[in-house]
Protein backbone atom coordinates (compact mmCIF):
# COMPACT_ATOMS: atom_id res chain seq x y z
CA UNK A 1 52.28 -33.60 6.49
CA UNK A 2 50.86 -36.99 7.53
CA UNK A 3 53.28 -39.87 7.88
CA UNK A 4 52.63 -43.17 6.11
CA UNK A 5 51.42 -46.06 8.25
CA UNK A 6 53.86 -48.76 9.23
CA UNK A 7 54.67 -51.27 6.53
CA UNK A 8 55.35 -54.81 7.64
CA UNK A 9 58.33 -54.83 5.31
CA UNK A 10 59.93 -52.02 7.42
CA UNK A 11 63.46 -51.80 5.93
CA UNK A 12 62.39 -52.80 2.41
CA UNK A 13 59.21 -50.75 2.13
CA UNK A 14 60.88 -47.66 0.69
CA UNK A 15 59.49 -45.61 3.59
CA UNK A 16 62.09 -44.60 6.19
CA UNK A 17 59.61 -42.90 8.57
CA UNK A 18 56.29 -44.57 9.44
CA UNK A 19 53.78 -44.69 12.29
CA UNK A 20 51.99 -47.37 14.27
CA UNK A 21 48.69 -46.02 15.60
CA UNK A 22 46.77 -42.86 14.83
CA UNK A 23 47.64 -40.46 17.67
CA UNK A 24 50.34 -37.82 18.04
CA UNK A 25 53.98 -38.71 17.39
CA UNK A 26 55.49 -36.53 20.14
CA UNK A 27 58.08 -33.77 20.09
CA UNK A 28 61.21 -35.79 19.31
CA UNK A 29 59.61 -37.57 16.34
CA UNK A 30 58.08 -34.31 15.10
CA UNK A 31 61.53 -32.73 15.18
CA UNK A 32 62.92 -35.60 13.13
CA UNK A 33 60.05 -35.34 10.66
CA UNK A 34 60.86 -31.67 10.15
CA UNK A 35 64.57 -32.41 9.90
CA UNK A 36 63.91 -35.03 7.24
CA UNK A 37 62.14 -32.46 5.10
CA UNK A 38 64.48 -29.51 5.44
CA UNK A 39 67.66 -31.59 5.29
CA UNK A 40 66.40 -33.08 2.04
CA UNK A 41 65.80 -29.63 0.61
CA UNK A 42 68.72 -27.78 2.20
CA UNK A 43 71.66 -30.20 2.00
CA UNK A 44 73.25 -31.08 -1.31
CA UNK A 45 74.87 -34.53 -0.86
CA UNK A 46 77.44 -33.70 -3.53
CA UNK A 47 79.03 -31.26 -1.08
CA UNK A 48 80.05 -34.13 1.22
CA UNK A 49 81.73 -36.88 -0.84
CA UNK A 50 82.11 -40.19 0.92
CA UNK A 51 79.48 -39.31 3.55
CA UNK A 52 75.84 -40.38 3.27
CA UNK A 53 73.62 -38.08 5.37
CA UNK A 54 70.15 -39.15 6.44
CA UNK A 55 67.78 -40.14 9.23
CA UNK A 56 68.05 -43.82 10.22
CA UNK A 57 64.93 -45.86 9.43
CA UNK A 58 62.33 -45.55 12.16
CA UNK A 59 58.73 -46.16 13.07
CA UNK A 60 56.81 -44.26 15.75
CA UNK A 61 54.27 -45.87 18.07
CA UNK A 62 51.77 -43.02 18.45
CA UNK A 63 50.30 -41.71 21.70
CA UNK A 64 46.91 -43.41 21.23
CA UNK A 65 48.66 -46.74 21.85
CA UNK A 66 50.06 -45.37 25.12
CA UNK A 67 46.55 -44.30 26.19
CA UNK A 68 45.16 -47.73 25.33
CA UNK A 69 47.99 -49.46 27.22
CA UNK A 70 47.22 -47.50 30.40
CA UNK A 71 43.47 -47.99 30.01
CA UNK A 72 43.43 -51.72 29.22
CA UNK A 73 45.78 -52.53 32.10
CA UNK A 74 44.24 -50.07 34.60
CA UNK A 75 47.65 -48.51 35.28
CA UNK A 76 46.86 -44.81 35.56
CA UNK A 77 46.21 -44.85 39.30
CA UNK A 78 49.54 -46.50 40.04
CA UNK A 79 51.30 -44.32 37.48
CA UNK A 80 50.14 -41.11 39.15
CA UNK A 81 50.93 -42.34 42.67
CA UNK A 82 54.26 -41.63 44.28
CA UNK A 83 55.32 -45.25 44.26
CA UNK A 84 59.07 -45.85 43.75
CA UNK A 85 60.30 -46.10 40.16
CA UNK A 86 61.03 -49.81 40.36
CA UNK A 87 57.47 -50.66 41.44
CA UNK A 88 55.98 -48.66 38.58
CA UNK A 89 58.45 -50.25 36.15
CA UNK A 90 57.68 -53.80 37.27
CA UNK A 91 53.93 -53.19 37.05
CA UNK A 92 54.31 -51.91 33.49
CA UNK A 93 56.40 -54.98 32.59
CA UNK A 94 53.62 -57.29 33.80
CA UNK A 95 51.04 -55.48 31.63
CA UNK A 96 50.11 -56.37 28.04
CA UNK A 97 50.56 -54.15 25.02
CA UNK A 98 47.36 -53.49 23.02
CA UNK A 99 46.61 -56.44 20.76
CA UNK A 100 46.16 -54.23 17.70
CA UNK A 101 49.88 -53.37 17.51
CA UNK A 102 51.29 -56.83 18.24
CA UNK A 103 51.17 -57.91 14.59
CA UNK A 104 53.10 -54.86 13.45
CA UNK A 105 55.76 -55.30 16.14
CA UNK A 106 56.10 -58.99 15.29
CA UNK A 107 56.53 -58.16 11.60
CA UNK A 108 59.17 -55.54 12.39
CA UNK A 109 61.23 -57.78 14.63
CA UNK A 110 60.92 -60.82 12.35
CA UNK A 111 62.96 -59.17 9.61
CA UNK A 112 65.10 -56.79 11.70
CA UNK A 113 68.23 -58.32 13.27
CA UNK A 114 70.30 -55.16 13.80
CA UNK A 115 70.35 -53.31 17.14
CA UNK A 116 67.36 -51.06 17.80
CA UNK A 117 67.03 -47.89 19.85
CA UNK A 118 63.68 -47.65 21.63
CA UNK A 119 63.37 -43.92 22.35
CA UNK A 120 60.89 -41.68 24.10
CA UNK A 121 58.99 -39.04 22.13
CA UNK A 122 56.57 -37.39 24.53
CA UNK A 123 54.23 -34.54 23.69
CA UNK A 124 56.33 -32.14 25.76
CA UNK A 125 59.75 -33.34 24.62
CA UNK A 126 61.82 -30.87 22.61
CA UNK A 127 59.43 -27.94 22.93
CA UNK A 128 61.22 -24.59 23.11
CA UNK A 129 60.19 -23.90 26.68
CA UNK A 130 60.77 -26.75 29.15
CA UNK A 131 61.69 -29.40 26.59
CA UNK A 132 61.97 -32.43 28.95
CA UNK A 133 65.22 -33.37 27.20
CA UNK A 134 66.74 -36.55 28.60
CA UNK A 135 64.11 -36.89 31.33
CA UNK A 136 62.58 -40.04 29.83
CA UNK A 137 64.21 -43.35 28.97
CA UNK A 138 65.91 -44.69 25.86
CA UNK A 139 66.69 -48.38 25.76
CA UNK A 140 69.00 -50.05 23.27
CA UNK A 141 68.45 -53.72 22.45
CA UNK A 142 70.93 -55.94 20.54
CA UNK A 143 68.14 -57.68 18.64
CA UNK A 144 70.49 -60.51 17.72
CA UNK A 145 68.82 -63.48 19.38
CA UNK A 146 68.31 -66.32 16.87
CA UNK A 147 64.61 -66.73 17.67
CA UNK A 148 61.95 -64.21 16.64
CA UNK A 149 60.07 -64.77 19.88
CA UNK A 150 63.08 -63.82 22.01
CA UNK A 151 63.70 -60.66 19.97
CA UNK A 152 60.00 -59.77 20.19
CA UNK A 153 60.04 -60.15 23.98
CA UNK A 154 63.03 -57.83 24.34
CA UNK A 155 61.36 -55.24 22.10
CA UNK A 156 58.14 -55.22 24.11
CA UNK A 157 60.06 -55.01 27.38
CA UNK A 158 61.89 -51.95 26.10
CA UNK A 159 58.65 -50.26 24.95
CA UNK A 160 57.03 -50.82 28.32
CA UNK A 161 60.11 -49.49 30.10
CA UNK A 162 59.92 -46.25 28.09
CA UNK A 163 56.21 -46.00 28.92
CA UNK A 164 56.96 -46.46 32.63
CA UNK A 165 59.63 -43.73 32.57
CA UNK A 166 56.84 -41.22 31.86
CA UNK A 167 55.93 -41.53 35.54
CA UNK A 168 59.32 -41.96 37.22
CA UNK A 169 60.24 -39.53 40.02
CA UNK A 170 62.55 -37.39 37.91
CA UNK A 171 59.91 -36.92 35.20
CA UNK A 172 57.19 -36.30 37.77
CA UNK A 173 59.20 -33.63 39.60
CA UNK A 174 60.24 -32.06 36.31
CA UNK A 175 56.59 -31.79 35.23
CA UNK A 176 55.62 -30.16 38.51
CA UNK A 177 58.47 -27.64 38.19
CA UNK A 178 57.10 -26.58 34.79
CA UNK A 179 53.61 -26.01 36.19
CA UNK A 180 52.18 -29.18 34.63
CA UNK A 181 50.63 -32.25 36.19
CA UNK A 182 52.26 -35.63 35.44
CA UNK A 183 48.95 -36.80 34.00
CA UNK A 184 49.18 -34.15 31.25
CA UNK A 185 51.96 -36.05 29.50
CA UNK A 186 51.48 -38.61 26.74
CA UNK A 187 54.20 -40.83 25.34
CA UNK A 188 54.98 -41.89 21.80
CA UNK A 189 57.86 -44.32 21.24
CA UNK A 190 60.41 -44.28 18.42
CA UNK A 191 61.76 -47.62 17.15
CA UNK A 192 64.92 -46.81 15.23
CA UNK A 193 67.90 -48.70 13.86
CA UNK A 194 71.15 -47.93 15.65
CA UNK A 195 73.89 -46.38 13.51
CA UNK A 196 77.15 -48.25 13.82
CA UNK A 197 79.15 -51.39 13.04
CA UNK A 198 79.63 -54.64 14.90
CA UNK A 199 83.03 -55.45 16.34
CA UNK A 200 82.78 -58.86 17.96
CA UNK A 201 80.70 -58.47 21.14
CA UNK A 202 80.30 -54.71 20.63
CA UNK A 203 78.13 -52.62 18.29
CA UNK A 204 78.66 -48.88 18.23
CA UNK A 205 79.11 -45.82 16.01
CA UNK A 206 82.66 -44.63 15.47
CA UNK A 207 81.59 -41.09 16.34
CA UNK A 208 78.64 -39.67 18.26
CA UNK A 209 78.08 -35.96 18.38
CA UNK A 210 76.02 -33.14 19.83
CA UNK A 211 76.25 -29.81 18.01
CA UNK A 212 74.72 -26.49 19.01
CA UNK A 213 74.41 -23.36 16.92
CA UNK A 214 75.08 -21.20 19.99
CA UNK A 215 78.16 -21.56 22.19
CA UNK A 216 77.60 -20.45 25.79
CA UNK A 217 81.29 -20.80 26.71
CA UNK A 218 83.42 -19.79 23.69
CA UNK A 219 87.20 -19.86 24.06
CA UNK A 220 90.08 -18.50 22.01
CA UNK A 221 88.94 -17.00 18.72
CA UNK A 222 85.51 -18.68 18.85
CA UNK A 223 82.36 -16.55 18.95
CA UNK A 224 79.05 -17.59 20.57
CA UNK A 225 77.13 -17.53 17.27
CA UNK A 226 79.67 -19.89 15.67
CA UNK A 227 78.36 -22.78 17.74
CA UNK A 228 80.05 -25.67 19.49
CA UNK A 229 80.36 -29.43 18.93
CA UNK A 230 81.03 -32.34 21.29
CA UNK A 231 82.36 -35.58 19.79
CA UNK A 232 82.82 -38.96 21.46
CA UNK A 233 83.69 -42.50 20.49
CA UNK A 234 80.77 -44.93 20.82
CA UNK A 235 77.16 -44.31 21.70
CA UNK A 236 76.07 -40.74 22.41
CA UNK A 237 75.24 -41.60 26.01
CA UNK A 238 78.77 -40.47 26.89
CA UNK A 239 78.00 -36.90 25.78
CA UNK A 240 74.41 -36.47 26.90
CA UNK A 241 75.25 -37.85 30.34
CA UNK A 242 78.04 -35.29 30.74
CA UNK A 243 81.03 -37.61 30.30
CA UNK A 244 84.41 -36.83 28.73
CA UNK A 245 84.23 -35.75 25.11
CA UNK A 246 86.12 -33.58 22.60
CA UNK A 247 84.79 -30.01 22.38
CA UNK A 248 85.52 -27.69 19.48
CA UNK A 249 84.11 -24.76 17.53
CA UNK A 250 82.94 -25.77 14.04
CA UNK A 251 84.36 -22.47 12.77
CA UNK A 252 87.80 -23.44 14.16
CA UNK A 253 87.98 -27.25 13.98
CA UNK A 254 91.78 -27.38 14.22
CA UNK A 255 91.96 -25.33 17.43
CA UNK A 256 92.79 -27.31 20.56
CA UNK A 257 90.62 -26.66 23.64
CA UNK A 258 92.34 -24.47 26.24
CA UNK A 259 94.15 -27.12 28.25
CA UNK A 260 97.00 -25.86 30.40
CA UNK A 261 99.41 -28.60 29.32
CA UNK A 262 99.70 -31.82 27.34
CA UNK A 263 99.44 -33.69 30.64
CA UNK A 264 96.09 -32.02 31.34
CA UNK A 265 94.92 -32.98 27.85
CA UNK A 266 95.85 -36.60 28.56
CA UNK A 267 94.01 -36.50 31.89
CA UNK A 268 90.84 -35.16 30.27
CA UNK A 269 90.66 -37.33 27.14
CA UNK A 270 87.89 -39.92 26.77
CA UNK A 271 89.09 -43.28 28.09
CA UNK A 272 86.03 -45.50 27.77
CA UNK A 273 82.85 -45.67 25.73
CA UNK A 274 79.37 -47.17 25.55
CA UNK A 275 78.42 -49.92 23.12
CA UNK A 276 75.49 -52.29 22.60
CA UNK A 277 76.31 -55.70 24.03
CA UNK A 278 76.19 -58.25 21.20
CA UNK A 279 77.94 -60.98 23.20
CA UNK A 280 76.84 -63.13 26.11
CA UNK A 281 73.35 -62.19 27.38
CA UNK A 282 73.49 -59.96 30.48
CA UNK A 283 71.69 -60.61 33.74
CA UNK A 284 67.96 -60.23 33.16
CA UNK A 285 66.91 -56.74 34.25
CA UNK A 286 64.12 -55.30 32.07
CA UNK A 287 63.79 -52.16 34.22
CA UNK A 288 67.44 -51.11 33.77
CA UNK A 289 68.08 -48.61 30.97
CA UNK A 290 71.61 -49.99 30.46
CA UNK A 291 70.62 -53.69 30.55
CA UNK A 292 71.97 -54.34 27.05
CA UNK A 293 74.84 -51.84 27.09
CA UNK A 294 78.46 -52.30 28.09
CA UNK A 295 81.42 -50.09 28.91
CA UNK A 296 84.52 -50.68 26.82
CA UNK A 297 88.03 -49.22 26.95
CA UNK A 298 90.24 -47.52 24.39
CA UNK A 299 92.20 -50.77 24.29
CA UNK A 300 89.03 -52.48 23.06
CA UNK A 301 88.57 -49.80 20.41
CA UNK A 302 92.20 -50.23 19.34
CA UNK A 303 91.58 -53.96 18.94
CA UNK A 304 88.43 -53.17 16.92
CA UNK A 305 90.44 -50.91 14.61
CA UNK A 306 88.25 -47.85 15.25
CA UNK A 307 90.88 -45.55 16.75
CA UNK A 308 92.85 -45.34 13.51
CA UNK A 309 90.54 -42.68 12.05
CA UNK A 310 89.78 -40.87 15.31
CA UNK A 311 92.77 -40.62 17.63
CA UNK A 312 96.23 -39.15 18.04
CA UNK A 313 99.19 -40.37 20.08
CA UNK A 314 101.25 -38.85 22.88
CA UNK A 315 104.97 -38.81 22.08
CA UNK A 316 106.78 -38.78 25.41
CA UNK A 317 110.14 -37.96 23.86
CA UNK A 318 108.94 -34.64 22.46
CA UNK A 319 106.12 -34.13 25.00
CA UNK A 320 103.59 -33.48 22.27
CA UNK A 321 100.58 -35.07 20.63
CA UNK A 322 101.12 -36.51 17.15
CA UNK A 323 98.19 -36.97 14.76
CA UNK A 324 97.18 -40.58 14.10
CA UNK A 325 98.00 -43.91 15.70
CA UNK A 326 100.98 -45.04 13.61
CA UNK A 327 103.33 -45.01 16.60
CA UNK A 328 103.00 -46.54 20.03
CA UNK A 329 101.97 -44.46 23.01
CA UNK A 330 98.95 -43.23 24.98
CA UNK A 331 96.02 -42.40 22.72
CA UNK A 332 94.24 -39.04 22.72
CA UNK A 333 90.72 -38.94 21.32
CA UNK A 334 90.93 -35.57 19.58
CA UNK A 335 89.43 -36.69 16.24
CA UNK A 336 92.36 -35.06 14.41
CA UNK A 337 92.13 -37.40 11.39
CA UNK A 338 88.63 -36.01 10.78
CA UNK A 339 89.04 -32.41 11.94
CA UNK A 340 92.65 -31.62 11.03
CA UNK A 341 93.50 -33.99 8.17
CA UNK A 342 89.86 -33.90 6.99
CA UNK A 343 89.83 -37.55 5.95
CA UNK A 344 86.04 -37.09 5.80
CA UNK A 345 84.00 -33.86 5.45
CA UNK A 346 82.44 -34.37 8.88
CA UNK A 347 82.80 -30.81 10.14
CA UNK A 348 81.37 -29.40 6.91
CA UNK A 349 78.34 -31.66 7.26
CA UNK A 350 77.83 -30.57 10.88
CA UNK A 351 78.02 -26.88 9.96
CA UNK A 352 75.59 -27.33 7.09
CA UNK A 353 73.14 -29.31 9.23
CA UNK A 354 73.20 -26.65 11.96
CA UNK A 355 72.68 -23.82 9.49
CA UNK A 356 69.86 -25.63 7.69
CA UNK A 357 68.03 -26.54 10.91
CA UNK A 358 68.45 -23.04 12.37
CA UNK A 359 67.12 -21.42 9.22
CA UNK A 360 64.17 -23.81 9.02
CA UNK A 361 63.14 -23.47 12.68
CA UNK A 362 63.90 -19.78 13.15
CA UNK A 363 65.71 -20.58 16.42
CA UNK A 364 69.08 -21.63 17.70
CA UNK A 365 69.21 -25.43 17.64
CA UNK A 366 70.90 -28.46 19.11
CA UNK A 367 71.34 -31.58 17.01
CA UNK A 368 72.46 -35.12 17.80
CA UNK A 369 74.09 -37.42 15.28
CA UNK A 370 76.09 -40.62 14.91
CA UNK A 371 78.70 -41.51 12.30
CA UNK A 372 79.67 -44.97 11.12
CA UNK A 373 83.01 -45.46 9.34
CA UNK A 374 82.79 -48.98 7.85
CA UNK A 375 86.08 -50.81 7.36
CA UNK A 376 87.24 -51.39 3.83
CA UNK A 377 86.62 -47.90 2.49
CA UNK A 378 82.84 -48.16 2.10
CA UNK A 379 80.85 -44.94 2.24
CA UNK A 380 80.60 -43.47 5.73
CA UNK A 381 77.18 -42.79 7.22
CA UNK A 382 76.02 -39.67 9.06
CA UNK A 383 72.85 -40.56 10.97
CA UNK A 384 70.82 -37.52 12.06
CA UNK A 385 69.18 -38.50 15.37
CA UNK A 386 67.55 -35.42 16.87
CA UNK A 387 66.98 -31.69 16.58
CA UNK A 388 65.63 -29.45 19.30
CA UNK A 389 65.38 -25.67 19.68
CA UNK A 390 67.53 -23.82 22.19
CA UNK A 391 66.39 -20.97 24.39
CA UNK A 392 68.83 -18.06 24.03
CA UNK A 393 67.63 -14.96 25.84
CA UNK A 394 68.49 -11.46 24.59
CA UNK A 395 66.88 -9.23 27.23
CA UNK A 396 69.34 -6.42 28.05
CA UNK A 397 70.95 -6.76 31.50
CA UNK A 398 74.11 -4.86 32.38
CA UNK A 399 76.75 -6.36 34.66
CA UNK A 400 79.84 -4.19 34.77
CA UNK A 401 83.33 -4.80 36.10
CA UNK A 402 82.60 -2.79 39.21
CA UNK A 403 79.83 -5.19 40.24
CA UNK A 404 82.06 -8.22 39.66
CA UNK A 405 84.72 -6.66 41.88
CA UNK A 406 82.25 -5.40 44.49
CA UNK A 407 82.83 -6.35 48.12
CA UNK A 408 79.19 -7.50 48.30
CA UNK A 409 79.63 -9.97 45.43
CA UNK A 410 79.15 -13.46 46.87
CA UNK A 411 79.74 -15.10 43.48
CA UNK A 412 81.31 -13.40 40.44
CA UNK A 413 81.75 -15.07 37.07
CA UNK A 414 82.75 -14.05 33.56
CA UNK A 415 81.55 -17.41 32.20
CA UNK A 416 77.88 -17.21 33.12
CA UNK A 417 74.97 -18.75 31.30
CA UNK A 418 71.55 -17.14 31.13
CA UNK A 419 70.21 -13.62 31.10
CA UNK A 420 68.11 -11.68 33.56
CA UNK A 421 67.71 -10.51 37.14
CA UNK A 422 66.47 -12.59 40.10
CA UNK A 423 65.65 -10.99 43.42
CA UNK A 424 64.32 -12.19 46.74
CA UNK A 425 66.44 -15.31 47.31
CA UNK A 426 67.79 -15.72 50.81
CA UNK A 427 68.77 -19.41 50.85
CA UNK A 428 72.04 -20.95 49.71
CA UNK A 429 72.82 -24.67 49.56
CA UNK A 430 76.48 -25.45 49.04
CA UNK A 431 78.93 -28.31 49.11
CA UNK A 432 81.46 -27.62 51.85
CA UNK A 433 84.91 -27.12 50.26
CA UNK A 434 86.77 -28.62 53.22
CA UNK A 435 84.58 -31.74 53.22
CA UNK A 436 84.42 -32.38 49.48
CA UNK A 437 85.71 -35.78 48.30
CA UNK A 438 85.62 -36.76 44.59
CA UNK A 439 85.13 -40.39 45.57
CA UNK A 440 81.95 -39.53 47.50
CA UNK A 441 80.05 -37.49 44.92
CA UNK A 442 77.12 -39.95 44.85
CA UNK A 443 76.70 -39.52 48.60
CA UNK A 444 76.94 -35.74 48.13
CA UNK A 445 74.14 -35.93 45.54
CA UNK A 446 71.94 -37.76 48.06
CA UNK A 447 72.59 -35.12 50.72
CA UNK A 448 71.80 -32.30 48.29
CA UNK A 449 68.54 -34.08 47.47
CA UNK A 450 67.67 -34.19 51.17
CA UNK A 451 68.24 -30.44 51.59
CA UNK A 452 66.37 -29.74 48.34
CA UNK A 453 63.37 -31.72 49.58
CA UNK A 454 63.18 -29.73 52.81
CA UNK A 455 63.33 -26.39 51.01
CA UNK A 456 60.70 -27.42 48.47
CA UNK A 457 58.32 -28.40 51.27
CA UNK A 458 58.66 -24.83 52.59
CA UNK A 459 58.30 -23.31 49.14
CA UNK A 460 61.76 -21.76 49.19
CA UNK A 461 64.01 -21.47 46.12
CA UNK A 462 67.76 -21.23 46.58
CA UNK A 463 71.25 -20.72 45.16
CA UNK A 464 73.14 -24.00 44.69
CA UNK A 465 76.96 -24.13 44.75
CA UNK A 466 79.10 -27.19 44.10
CA UNK A 467 82.24 -28.53 42.42
CA UNK A 468 82.72 -30.15 39.04
CA UNK A 469 79.93 -30.80 36.57
CA UNK A 470 76.44 -30.79 38.04
CA UNK A 471 74.46 -33.70 36.58
CA UNK A 472 77.44 -35.65 35.24
CA UNK A 473 76.92 -39.41 35.00
CA UNK A 474 80.61 -39.84 35.80
CA UNK A 475 81.00 -39.24 39.56
CA UNK A 476 84.68 -38.40 39.06
CA UNK A 477 83.75 -35.40 36.91
CA UNK A 478 81.21 -33.84 39.24
CA UNK A 479 78.13 -34.40 41.36
CA UNK A 480 75.77 -36.87 39.61
CA UNK A 481 72.43 -35.34 40.58
CA UNK A 482 69.30 -35.69 38.49
CA UNK A 483 66.73 -32.98 38.07
CA UNK A 484 64.47 -34.12 40.93
CA UNK A 485 67.37 -33.81 43.38
CA UNK A 486 67.94 -30.07 42.73
CA UNK A 487 64.52 -29.01 41.42
CA UNK A 488 64.27 -26.14 43.92
CA UNK A 489 67.46 -24.44 42.72
CA UNK A 490 66.86 -21.03 41.14
CA UNK A 491 70.56 -20.29 40.50
CA UNK A 492 73.34 -22.85 40.03
CA UNK A 493 77.06 -22.28 40.50
CA UNK A 494 79.68 -24.69 39.17
CA UNK A 495 83.16 -24.27 40.66
CA UNK A 496 86.41 -26.18 40.79
CA UNK A 497 88.86 -27.35 43.41
CA UNK A 498 92.35 -28.83 43.00
CA UNK A 499 90.72 -32.24 43.54
CA UNK A 500 87.87 -31.54 41.07
CA UNK A 501 89.21 -29.53 38.15
CA UNK A 502 87.44 -30.51 34.91
CA UNK A 503 86.11 -28.75 31.82
CA UNK A 504 82.86 -26.97 32.59
CA UNK A 505 79.47 -28.34 31.58
CA UNK A 506 77.98 -27.85 28.16
CA UNK A 507 75.74 -30.02 26.02
CA UNK A 508 74.29 -32.67 28.32
CA UNK A 509 70.54 -33.19 28.43
CA UNK A 510 70.68 -32.04 32.05
CA UNK A 511 72.37 -28.84 30.96
CA UNK A 512 69.95 -28.25 28.08
CA UNK A 513 67.00 -28.43 30.46
CA UNK A 514 68.56 -25.88 32.81
CA UNK A 515 68.92 -23.51 29.86
CA UNK A 516 65.24 -23.94 29.01
CA UNK A 517 64.21 -23.05 32.57
CA UNK A 518 66.15 -19.77 32.44
CA UNK A 519 68.14 -20.87 35.48
CA UNK A 520 71.33 -18.79 35.65
CA UNK A 521 74.39 -21.02 35.62
CA UNK A 522 77.56 -19.33 36.89
CA UNK A 523 80.81 -21.12 36.15
CA UNK A 524 83.90 -20.34 38.21
CA UNK A 525 86.82 -21.98 36.38
CA UNK A 526 90.33 -22.54 37.79
CA UNK A 527 92.47 -19.45 38.27
CA UNK A 528 89.42 -17.22 37.76
CA UNK A 529 90.25 -13.62 38.77
CA UNK A 530 87.05 -13.59 40.80
CA UNK A 531 85.03 -16.39 42.26
CA UNK A 532 83.18 -17.29 45.44
CA UNK A 533 83.41 -15.31 48.68
CA UNK A 534 83.41 -18.26 51.06
CA UNK A 535 84.02 -16.01 54.05
CA UNK A 536 80.80 -14.10 53.39
CA UNK A 537 78.82 -17.30 52.90
CA UNK A 538 80.17 -18.73 56.16
CA UNK A 539 78.64 -15.75 57.99
CA UNK A 540 75.12 -16.61 56.77
CA UNK A 541 72.99 -18.37 59.36
CA UNK A 542 73.11 -22.17 59.16
CA UNK A 543 69.65 -23.72 58.81
CA UNK A 544 70.58 -27.34 58.08
CA UNK A 545 73.76 -29.30 57.66
CA UNK A 546 74.88 -32.74 56.47
CA UNK A 547 78.33 -34.28 56.31
CA UNK A 548 79.14 -32.79 52.89
CA UNK A 549 76.66 -29.93 52.44
CA UNK A 550 75.15 -26.98 54.27
CA UNK A 551 71.99 -24.86 53.92
CA UNK A 552 72.45 -21.25 55.03
CA UNK A 553 70.18 -18.21 54.97
CA UNK A 554 71.26 -14.63 54.30
CA UNK A 555 69.87 -11.92 56.59
CA UNK A 556 68.74 -9.88 53.58
CA UNK A 557 67.67 -11.04 50.11
CA UNK A 558 70.34 -11.73 47.49
CA UNK A 559 70.28 -10.21 44.02
CA UNK A 560 71.35 -12.21 40.98
CA UNK A 561 72.26 -10.56 37.68
CA UNK A 562 73.41 -12.26 34.48
CA UNK A 563 74.34 -10.44 31.28
CA UNK A 564 73.98 -12.87 28.39
CA UNK A 565 75.90 -10.59 26.03
CA UNK A 566 79.09 -10.31 28.08
CA UNK A 567 78.54 -13.65 29.91
CA UNK A 568 79.09 -11.90 33.22
CA UNK A 569 77.11 -13.03 36.23
CA UNK A 570 77.05 -11.99 39.86
CA UNK A 571 75.27 -12.88 43.12
CA UNK A 572 75.15 -9.80 45.37
CA UNK A 573 74.52 -9.65 49.10
CA UNK A 574 71.80 -7.44 50.47
CA UNK A 575 72.48 -4.37 52.56
CA UNK A 576 72.44 -6.15 55.93
CA UNK A 577 73.87 -9.54 54.93
């Protein structure tokens, strides 16, 4: 179905989904177009009183505009070079957008004074295989400057930044790892209103969420097919970047995640959040994705009045968590007012959206959404932001208890992600347990990147072992690598130490992309009955070493097996290793 062209009345045109240009709209926008249609036909709004469900108003700048931008400004040669990201970004900022779209952008920004999300929607984004999720940029702009010209300038800077991100190192390396050339990609750009409310210098949704119809790490009574949801206060960047969030099964919304104690729950609760900066202008930095964002604390949210409908309170006298914020004490972001008291039918809406999208696409799905809870009892808003298919393999692979307990098992896990058998790997890159320091995870990421680069140059794939969440944006939760820094890894192991003991990864864009590549992901949680045979690994021959990491080579090829049905995974030594 063709989308209507952009109307220069934007919010008042009656059309919530329009296009600028005549080319393709990209994978993310196509997913939203499909979601608009099947949500309209599959969700009865009467089932969710007090909650308006819909896709926030948007317009898509089609890929023909991207082609014209590169052509008119003679940027393709630089874009396909291996120049550093900042040089490419600055060159794109100096370039001019095609004149034929300037009038439409000016009309949009003249009437729009709410924050805007300028989001990537490339041709390859959100495809089932190799979806490029989170590889490209999204830039939020406050759009609250009093002059139209200033707002227009910020909008065009954000568009050009998204265009430039098509050719940044992470995207380039990702494309190569999928067997594509960087020049194959084309970029559409989504201009979309941000769901949320303003609280002084901050604008943010009360709740952001990522929901998946398949749960790779179910706990308690949850089953994989019942799905899993991550919720966070503020912008969804917290979740997709692998930060702290509340995880629950939509089939069991009242069940608490398996924390060992109330103290552990307090240690793992979300303590800060992302918001759009509506206050004093930040330092000018058009090539920074977070230029117009700010980090705020739970104390800020308390002052804004947003914790009242989201949080619970720790009662030190009884050593338990009490629903709500009526009493004083440390706050716990467990969303109990929504999930336990059901002040709003949020969980029902999430379940219905997952079921509708899964039925319409014929695949397991991941959705992103944001919820605004306006003060004063006005109707809450559920903004549907994205849907993408998930790759869930069902090829039969058997991993039995005997293999997990085998003396030749280098890594054994009963919380493995993936399905299949990999043979022929001899190389292992690992973070040295005795050298690991949570405060130095950024330096560890740089050293891993160095070892990865050397192995890629030799055409060698490897097993990667580290502590905490791989790809987390919070260096205190894990090692904050991006895809280009570990692109040679064929198997990834996520373990814990007493100094790095956090909930295992699930739901970040980084994680979603690993799933799509069929890269086995073996989690070794605390107190696991089996884990990593460090003594065996130490006997492998050292090929390279840095302060925090080591590259070793086994004398005989390793064999990796993952059973997606039982979630068992094992890395086995060869006969002479």
